[in-house]
């Protein structure tokens, strides 16, 4: 099973942590975000990973090497000039066996999503890509008010009745020529596939967090510590 990790981000909003490393190499509890992703993928049967990288790519290569210590085979698709996420995905996909469905993921997320069901669902359709969706959780607490104008409850960061793109996809080989040589596939390829009704949705409530800011970094660390403690006490 193959996977592509898009790891070329500079992480401007994570400075100063990204001054000497790309965004996916920022550490959470002493482990790079990429480390969590590789362990997640390896535990579910992924054997081959292509890391699409550019900015300070040598930091990634020096840390993970060929992937042997992580139980996977790792290769690197290095951008000589910035290609955007879609261009980076296109370049990386050319390193994968043409008849294989592959998983692609943004390199700044931490999740425990089970990908077997995603792949099965994708293979049972004629979609060229299937996008993982997660519930949209409010960044703020909300206030519930009754018909008399009385506050009846405060709800901390509730789940809203909408779904958002988790940045994880199952991709068929036929999507390759539709990816941009430069640019963002979520602004070009995916809208086109949606219009042609060849873009699937896989809804999940698995743990998922994107690490975009220093605040995210702190919150993810606390969440993982809590989950580790809970697992230890069970």
C-alpha atoms as a PDB file:
ATOM      1  CA  UNK A   1       0.000   0.000   0.000  1.00  0.00           C
ATOM      2  CA  UNK A   2       1.276   3.424  -0.986  1.00  0.00           C
ATOM      3  CA  UNK A   3       0.917   6.838   0.618  1.00  0.00           C
ATOM      4  CA  UNK A   4       2.017  10.365  -0.215  1.00  0.00           C
ATOM      5  CA  UNK A   5       2.656  12.961   2.472  1.00  0.00           C
ATOM      6  CA  UNK A   6       2.659  16.615   1.378  1.00  0.00           C
ATOM      7  CA  UNK A   7       5.409  18.058   3.543  1.00  0.00           C
ATOM      8  CA  UNK A   8       6.627  21.163   1.738  1.00  0.00           C
ATOM      9  CA  UNK A   9       5.018  23.782   3.956  1.00  0.00           C
ATOM     10  CA  UNK A  10       7.105  26.582   5.468  1.00  0.00           C
ATOM     11  CA  UNK A  11       4.735  27.042   8.399  1.00  0.00           C
ATOM     12  CA  UNK A  12       4.911  30.822   8.639  1.00  0.00           C
ATOM     13  CA  UNK A  13       2.365  30.866  11.489  1.00  0.00           C
ATOM     14  CA  UNK A  14       4.464  28.399  13.489  1.00  0.00           C
ATOM     15  CA  UNK A  15       7.547  30.583  13.691  1.00  0.00           C
ATOM     16  CA  UNK A  16      10.000  30.493  15.424  1.00  0.00           C
ATOM     17  CA  UNK A  17       9.618  26.690  15.416  1.00  0.00           C
ATOM     18  CA  UNK A  18       9.933  26.554  11.619  1.00  0.00           C
ATOM     19  CA  UNK A  19      12.954  28.779  11.171  1.00  0.00           C
ATOM     20  CA  UNK A  20      15.272  25.766  10.850  1.00  0.00           C
ATOM     21  CA  UNK A  21      12.858  23.062   9.704  1.00  0.00           C
ATOM     22  CA  UNK A  22       9.753  22.533   7.544  1.00  0.00           C
ATOM     23  CA  UNK A  23       6.355  22.677   9.207  1.00  0.00           C
ATOM     24  CA  UNK A  24       5.818  18.865   9.415  1.00  0.00           C
ATOM     25  CA  UNK A  25       9.074  18.508  11.370  1.00  0.00           C
ATOM     26  CA  UNK A  26       7.831  20.640  14.264  1.00  0.00           C
ATOM     27  CA  UNK A  27       7.768  18.411  17.344  1.00  0.00           C
ATOM     28  CA  UNK A  28       4.804  17.489  19.522  1.00  0.00           C
ATOM     29  CA  UNK A  29       5.911  15.849  22.784  1.00  0.00           C
ATOM     30  CA  UNK A  30       9.357  15.329  21.274  1.00  0.00           C
ATOM     31  CA  UNK A  31       8.202  13.642  18.052  1.00  0.00           C
ATOM     32  CA  UNK A  32       7.874  15.425  14.666  1.00  0.00           C
ATOM     33  CA  UNK A  33       4.360  15.646  13.239  1.00  0.00           C
ATOM     34  CA  UNK A  34       5.682  13.528  10.366  1.00  0.00           C
ATOM     35  CA  UNK A  35       6.691  10.857  12.867  1.00  0.00           C
ATOM     36  CA  UNK A  36       3.092  10.515  14.056  1.00  0.00           C
ATOM     37  CA  UNK A  37       1.903  10.301  10.451  1.00  0.00           C
ATOM     38  CA  UNK A  38       4.387   7.614   9.454  1.00  0.00           C
ATOM     39  CA  UNK A  39       3.561   5.534  12.522  1.00  0.00           C
ATOM     40  CA  UNK A  40      -0.159   5.963  11.793  1.00  0.00           C
ATOM     41  CA  UNK A  41       0.231   4.842   8.175  1.00  0.00           C
ATOM     42  CA  UNK A  42       2.594   1.970   8.960  1.00  0.00           C
ATOM     43  CA  UNK A  43       0.263   0.570  11.624  1.00  0.00           C
ATOM     44  CA  UNK A  44      -2.475   0.235   9.003  1.00  0.00           C
ATOM     45  CA  UNK A  45      -0.522  -1.598   6.374  1.00  0.00           C
ATOM     46  CA  UNK A  46       1.135   1.163   4.360  1.00  0.00           C
ATOM     47  CA  UNK A  47       4.479  -0.145   3.138  1.00  0.00           C
ATOM     48  CA  UNK A  48       5.707   2.611   0.794  1.00  0.00           C
ATOM     49  CA  UNK A  49       5.649   6.340   1.456  1.00  0.00           C
ATOM     50  CA  UNK A  50       6.642   9.205  -0.818  1.00  0.00           C
ATOM     51  CA  UNK A  51       7.296  12.429   1.067  1.00  0.00           C
ATOM     52  CA  UNK A  52       6.751  15.462  -1.168  1.00  0.00           C
ATOM     53  CA  UNK A  53       9.029  18.146   0.204  1.00  0.00           C
ATOM     54  CA  UNK A  54      10.842  21.349  -0.696  1.00  0.00           C
ATOM     55  CA  UNK A  55      11.624  23.885   2.021  1.00  0.00           C
ATOM     56  CA  UNK A  56      14.519  22.541   4.154  1.00  0.00           C
ATOM     57  CA  UNK A  57      13.859  19.049   2.820  1.00  0.00           C
ATOM     58  CA  UNK A  58      17.235  17.827   4.049  1.00  0.00           C
ATOM     59  CA  UNK A  59      15.958  17.996   7.636  1.00  0.00           C
ATOM     60  CA  UNK A  60      13.273  15.438   6.737  1.00  0.00           C
ATOM     61  CA  UNK A  61      15.660  13.202   4.809  1.00  0.00           C
ATOM     62  CA  UNK A  62      18.287  13.228   7.551  1.00  0.00           C
ATOM     63  CA  UNK A  63      15.703  12.274  10.181  1.00  0.00           C
ATOM     64  CA  UNK A  64      13.751   9.540   8.369  1.00  0.00           C
ATOM     65  CA  UNK A  65      16.354   8.346   5.826  1.00  0.00           C
ATOM     66  CA  UNK A  66      14.992   5.364   3.864  1.00  0.00           C
ATOM     67  CA  UNK A  67      12.348   4.567   6.485  1.00  0.00           C
ATOM     68  CA  UNK A  68      13.843   1.237   7.601  1.00  0.00           C
ATOM     69  CA  UNK A  69      13.789   2.212  11.283  1.00  0.00           C
ATOM     70  CA  UNK A  70      10.099   3.103  10.905  1.00  0.00           C
ATOM     71  CA  UNK A  71       9.095  -0.142   9.230  1.00  0.00           C
ATOM     72  CA  UNK A  72       8.345   1.406   5.829  1.00  0.00           C
ATOM     73  CA  UNK A  73      10.104   2.294   2.610  1.00  0.00           C
ATOM     74  CA  UNK A  74      10.446   6.069   2.226  1.00  0.00           C
ATOM     75  CA  UNK A  75      11.322   7.944  -0.946  1.00  0.00           C
ATOM     76  CA  UNK A  76      11.451  11.688  -1.499  1.00  0.00           C
ATOM     77  CA  UNK A  77       9.904  13.865  -4.187  1.00  0.00           C
ATOM     78  CA  UNK A  78      11.820  17.138  -3.863  1.00  0.00           C
ATOM     79  CA  UNK A  79      10.579  20.333  -5.495  1.00  0.00           C
ATOM     80  CA  UNK A  80      13.366  22.338  -7.094  1.00  0.00           C
ATOM     81  CA  UNK A  81      10.943  25.276  -7.276  1.00  0.00           C
ATOM     82  CA  UNK A  82       7.644  25.661  -5.381  1.00  0.00           C
ATOM     83  CA  UNK A  83       4.894  23.762  -7.202  1.00  0.00           C
ATOM     84  CA  UNK A  84       1.992  24.257  -4.829  1.00  0.00           C
ATOM     85  CA  UNK A  85       0.225  21.313  -3.205  1.00  0.00           C
ATOM     86  CA  UNK A  86      -1.331  20.107  -6.447  1.00  0.00           C
ATOM     87  CA  UNK A  87       1.936  20.257  -8.355  1.00  0.00           C
ATOM     88  CA  UNK A  88       3.759  18.515  -5.513  1.00  0.00           C
ATOM     89  CA  UNK A  89       1.090  15.785  -5.451  1.00  0.00           C
ATOM     90  CA  UNK A  90       1.354  15.297  -9.216  1.00  0.00           C
ATOM     91  CA  UNK A  91       5.148  14.985  -9.067  1.00  0.00           C
ATOM     92  CA  UNK A  92       4.988  12.514  -6.156  1.00  0.00           C
ATOM     93  CA  UNK A  93       2.274  10.370  -7.787  1.00  0.00           C
ATOM     94  CA  UNK A  94       4.579   9.728 -10.725  1.00  0.00           C
ATOM     95  CA  UNK A  95       6.794   7.726  -8.356  1.00  0.00           C
ATOM     96  CA  UNK A  96       3.983   5.285  -7.506  1.00  0.00           C
ATOM     97  CA  UNK A  97       2.958   2.123  -9.366  1.00  0.00           C
ATOM     98  CA  UNK A  98       0.326   3.265 -11.903  1.00  0.00           C
ATOM     99  CA  UNK A  99      -2.314   0.621 -11.047  1.00  0.00           C
ATOM    100  CA  UNK A 100      -2.315   1.275  -7.306  1.00  0.00           C
ATOM    101  CA  UNK A 101      -4.823   3.331  -5.339  1.00  0.00           C
ATOM    102  CA  UNK A 102      -2.864   5.491  -2.914  1.00  0.00           C
ATOM    103  CA  UNK A 103      -3.516   7.545   0.188  1.00  0.00           C
ATOM    104  CA  UNK A 104      -2.443  11.184   0.207  1.00  0.00           C
ATOM    105  CA  UNK A 105      -2.361  13.429   3.248  1.00  0.00           C
ATOM    106  CA  UNK A 106      -1.298  16.910   4.229  1.00  0.00           C
ATOM    107  CA  UNK A 107       1.815  16.796   6.364  1.00  0.00           C
ATOM    108  CA  UNK A 108       0.534  18.990   9.197  1.00  0.00           C
ATOM    109  CA  UNK A 109      -2.182  16.777  10.692  1.00  0.00           C
ATOM    110  CA  UNK A 110      -2.329  14.212  13.475  1.00  0.00           C
ATOM    111  CA  UNK A 111      -5.079  11.598  13.308  1.00  0.00           C
ATOM    112  CA  UNK A 112      -5.986   8.003  14.161  1.00  0.00           C
ATOM    113  CA  UNK A 113      -8.338   7.564  11.188  1.00  0.00           C
ATOM    114  CA  UNK A 114      -8.715   3.942  10.067  1.00  0.00           C
ATOM    115  CA  UNK A 115      -7.984   3.990   6.359  1.00  0.00           C
ATOM    116  CA  UNK A 116      -9.146   0.471   5.413  1.00  0.00           C
ATOM    117  CA  UNK A 117     -12.788   1.557   5.240  1.00  0.00           C
ATOM    118  CA  UNK A 118     -11.799   4.639   3.217  1.00  0.00           C
ATOM    119  CA  UNK A 119      -9.985   2.519   0.640  1.00  0.00           C
ATOM    120  CA  UNK A 120     -12.822  -0.015   0.436  1.00  0.00           C
ATOM    121  CA  UNK A 121     -15.399   2.707  -0.108  1.00  0.00           C
ATOM    122  CA  UNK A 122     -13.234   4.351  -2.775  1.00  0.00           C
ATOM    123  CA  UNK A 123     -12.665   1.096  -4.648  1.00  0.00           C
ATOM    124  CA  UNK A 124     -16.392   0.332  -4.725  1.00  0.00           C
ATOM    125  CA  UNK A 125     -17.137   3.528  -6.686  1.00  0.00           C
ATOM    126  CA  UNK A 126     -16.063   5.064  -9.982  1.00  0.00           C
ATOM    127  CA  UNK A 127     -14.723   8.152  -8.205  1.00  0.00           C
ATOM    128  CA  UNK A 128     -11.227   9.325  -9.095  1.00  0.00           C
ATOM    129  CA  UNK A 129     -10.711  10.714  -5.597  1.00  0.00           C
ATOM    130  CA  UNK A 130     -12.388  10.316  -2.219  1.00  0.00           C
ATOM    131  CA  UNK A 131     -11.970  13.040   0.386  1.00  0.00           C
ATOM    132  CA  UNK A 132     -12.108  12.412   4.132  1.00  0.00           C
ATOM    133  CA  UNK A 133     -14.497  14.818   5.853  1.00  0.00           C
ATOM    134  CA  UNK A 134     -14.656  15.565   9.557  1.00  0.00           C
ATOM    135  CA  UNK A 135     -17.283  17.470  11.582  1.00  0.00           C
ATOM    136  CA  UNK A 136     -16.763  21.207  11.794  1.00  0.00           C
ATOM    137  CA  UNK A 137     -16.167  22.142  15.422  1.00  0.00           C
ATOM    138  CA  UNK A 138     -16.611  25.759  16.439  1.00  0.00           C
ATOM    139  CA  UNK A 139     -13.446  27.522  17.565  1.00  0.00           C
ATOM    140  CA  UNK A 140     -15.506  29.304  20.203  1.00  0.00           C
ATOM    141  CA  UNK A 141     -18.018  28.364  22.830  1.00  0.00           C
ATOM    142  CA  UNK A 142     -21.634  29.174  21.966  1.00  0.00           C
ATOM    143  CA  UNK A 143     -24.476  30.478  24.092  1.00  0.00           C
ATOM    144  CA  UNK A 144     -27.966  28.964  23.993  1.00  0.00           C
ATOM    145  CA  UNK A 145     -30.844  31.399  24.559  1.00  0.00           C
ATOM    146  CA  UNK A 146     -34.523  30.491  25.031  1.00  0.00           C
ATOM    147  CA  UNK A 147     -37.572  32.254  23.570  1.00  0.00           C
ATOM    148  CA  UNK A 148     -37.763  34.561  26.591  1.00  0.00           C
ATOM    149  CA  UNK A 149     -34.262  35.883  25.999  1.00  0.00           C
ATOM    150  CA  UNK A 150     -32.811  33.929  28.929  1.00  0.00           C
ATOM    151  CA  UNK A 151     -29.433  32.248  28.664  1.00  0.00           C
ATOM    152  CA  UNK A 152     -29.948  28.557  29.353  1.00  0.00           C
ATOM    153  CA  UNK A 153     -26.548  27.044  28.574  1.00  0.00           C
ATOM    154  CA  UNK A 154     -22.964  27.615  27.546  1.00  0.00           C
ATOM    155  CA  UNK A 155     -21.585  24.998  25.138  1.00  0.00           C
ATOM    156  CA  UNK A 156     -17.812  24.833  24.753  1.00  0.00           C
ATOM    157  CA  UNK A 157     -16.686  24.418  21.125  1.00  0.00           C
ATOM    158  CA  UNK A 158     -19.694  22.457  19.871  1.00  0.00           C
ATOM    159  CA  UNK A 159     -19.822  20.300  16.772  1.00  0.00           C
ATOM    160  CA  UNK A 160     -21.680  22.222  14.065  1.00  0.00           C
ATOM    161  CA  UNK A 161     -23.925  20.663  11.368  1.00  0.00           C
ATOM    162  CA  UNK A 162     -21.258  20.946   8.675  1.00  0.00           C
ATOM    163  CA  UNK A 163     -18.337  18.848   7.388  1.00  0.00           C
ATOM    164  CA  UNK A 164     -14.856  20.036   6.419  1.00  0.00           C
ATOM    165  CA  UNK A 165     -12.015  18.661   4.310  1.00  0.00           C
ATOM    166  CA  UNK A 166      -9.559  16.746   6.522  1.00  0.00           C
ATOM    167  CA  UNK A 167      -6.743  16.894   3.955  1.00  0.00           C
ATOM    168  CA  UNK A 168      -6.692  13.085   3.566  1.00  0.00           C
ATOM    169  CA  UNK A 169      -7.618  11.438   0.273  1.00  0.00           C
ATOM    170  CA  UNK A 170      -7.812   8.106  -1.528  1.00  0.00           C
ATOM    171  CA  UNK A 171      -6.657   8.631  -5.122  1.00  0.00           C
ATOM    172  CA  UNK A 172      -7.017   6.514  -8.241  1.00  0.00           C
ATOM    173  CA  UNK A 173      -4.167   6.535 -10.797  1.00  0.00           C
ATOM    174  CA  UNK A 174      -6.476   8.132 -13.398  1.00  0.00           C
ATOM    175  CA  UNK A 175      -6.532  11.365 -11.393  1.00  0.00           C
ATOM    176  CA  UNK A 176      -2.831  11.997 -12.149  1.00  0.00           C
ATOM    177  CA  UNK A 177      -3.230  13.808 -15.513  1.00  0.00           C
ATOM    178  CA  UNK A 178      -5.937  15.998 -13.975  1.00  0.00           C
ATOM    179  CA  UNK A 179      -3.628  17.356 -11.272  1.00  0.00           C
ATOM    180  CA  UNK A 180      -2.059  20.767 -11.964  1.00  0.00           C
ATOM    181  CA  UNK A 181       1.623  20.989 -12.779  1.00  0.00           C
ATOM    182  CA  UNK A 182       1.661  24.019 -10.511  1.00  0.00           C
ATOM    183  CA  UNK A 183      -1.047  25.137  -8.108  1.00  0.00           C
ATOM    184  CA  UNK A 184      -3.513  23.686  -5.611  1.00  0.00           C
ATOM    185  CA  UNK A 185      -5.568  20.589  -6.478  1.00  0.00           C
ATOM    186  CA  UNK A 186      -8.266  21.663  -4.025  1.00  0.00           C
ATOM    187  CA  UNK A 187      -8.866  24.762  -6.135  1.00  0.00           C
ATOM    188  CA  UNK A 188      -8.548  23.104  -9.549  1.00  0.00           C
ATOM    189  CA  UNK A 189      -8.843  19.307  -9.735  1.00  0.00           C
ATOM    190  CA  UNK A 190     -11.326  18.706  -6.942  1.00  0.00           C
ATOM    191  CA  UNK A 191     -13.889  21.321  -8.067  1.00  0.00           C
ATOM    192  CA  UNK A 192     -13.699  19.825 -11.573  1.00  0.00           C
ATOM    193  CA  UNK A 193     -14.258  16.293 -10.255  1.00  0.00           C
ATOM    194  CA  UNK A 194     -17.114  17.518  -8.064  1.00  0.00           C
ATOM    195  CA  UNK A 195     -18.772  19.048 -11.112  1.00  0.00           C
ATOM    196  CA  UNK A 196     -18.399  15.728 -12.943  1.00  0.00           C
ATOM    197  CA  UNK A 197     -19.680  13.813  -9.871  1.00  0.00           C
ATOM    198  CA  UNK A 198     -16.458  11.814  -9.603  1.00  0.00           C
ATOM    199  CA  UNK A 199     -15.391  13.084  -6.163  1.00  0.00           C
ATOM    200  CA  UNK A 200     -16.428  10.957  -3.190  1.00  0.00           C
ATOM    201  CA  UNK A 201     -16.886  11.857   0.476  1.00  0.00           C
ATOM    202  CA  UNK A 202     -15.876   9.686   3.421  1.00  0.00           C
ATOM    203  CA  UNK A 203     -17.258  11.040   6.695  1.00  0.00           C
ATOM    204  CA  UNK A 204     -15.358  10.236   9.881  1.00  0.00           C
ATOM    205  CA  UNK A 205     -15.389  11.211  13.533  1.00  0.00           C
ATOM    206  CA  UNK A 206     -11.905   9.873  14.197  1.00  0.00           C
ATOM    207  CA  UNK A 207      -9.460  12.016  16.150  1.00  0.00           C
ATOM    208  CA  UNK A 208      -8.076  14.708  13.830  1.00  0.00           C
ATOM    209  CA  UNK A 209      -6.155  17.910  14.400  1.00  0.00           C
ATOM    210  CA  UNK A 210      -4.329  20.208  12.026  1.00  0.00           C
ATOM    211  CA  UNK A 211      -1.299  21.997  13.446  1.00  0.00           C
ATOM    212  CA  UNK A 212      -1.255  25.469  11.891  1.00  0.00           C
ATOM    213  CA  UNK A 213      -0.385  27.804  14.769  1.00  0.00           C
ATOM    214  CA  UNK A 214       1.545  27.849  18.021  1.00  0.00           C
ATOM    215  CA  UNK A 215      -1.810  27.627  19.815  1.00  0.00           C
ATOM    216  CA  UNK A 216      -2.643  24.450  17.860  1.00  0.00           C
ATOM    217  CA  UNK A 217       0.720  23.009  18.845  1.00  0.00           C
ATOM    218  CA  UNK A 218       0.014  23.548  22.521  1.00  0.00           C
ATOM    219  CA  UNK A 219      -3.531  22.172  22.311  1.00  0.00           C
ATOM    220  CA  UNK A 220      -2.480  19.044  20.392  1.00  0.00           C
ATOM    221  CA  UNK A 221       0.242  18.323  22.946  1.00  0.00           C
ATOM    222  CA  UNK A 222      -2.303  18.533  25.769  1.00  0.00           C
ATOM    223  CA  UNK A 223      -4.760  16.302  23.897  1.00  0.00           C
ATOM    224  CA  UNK A 224      -2.130  13.633  23.219  1.00  0.00           C
ATOM    225  CA  UNK A 225      -0.944  13.705  26.824  1.00  0.00           C
ATOM    226  CA  UNK A 226      -4.539  13.215  27.980  1.00  0.00           C
ATOM    227  CA  UNK A 227      -5.088  10.342  25.541  1.00  0.00           C
ATOM    228  CA  UNK A 228      -1.834   8.660  26.576  1.00  0.00           C
ATOM    229  CA  UNK A 229      -2.769   8.935  30.249  1.00  0.00           C
ATOM    230  CA  UNK A 230      -6.259   7.577  29.570  1.00  0.00           C
ATOM    231  CA  UNK A 231      -4.860   4.620  27.605  1.00  0.00           C
ATOM    232  CA  UNK A 232      -2.354   3.904  30.380  1.00  0.00           C
ATOM    233  CA  UNK A 233      -5.045   3.876  33.082  1.00  0.00           C
ATOM    234  CA  UNK A 234      -7.461   1.652  31.137  1.00  0.00           C
END
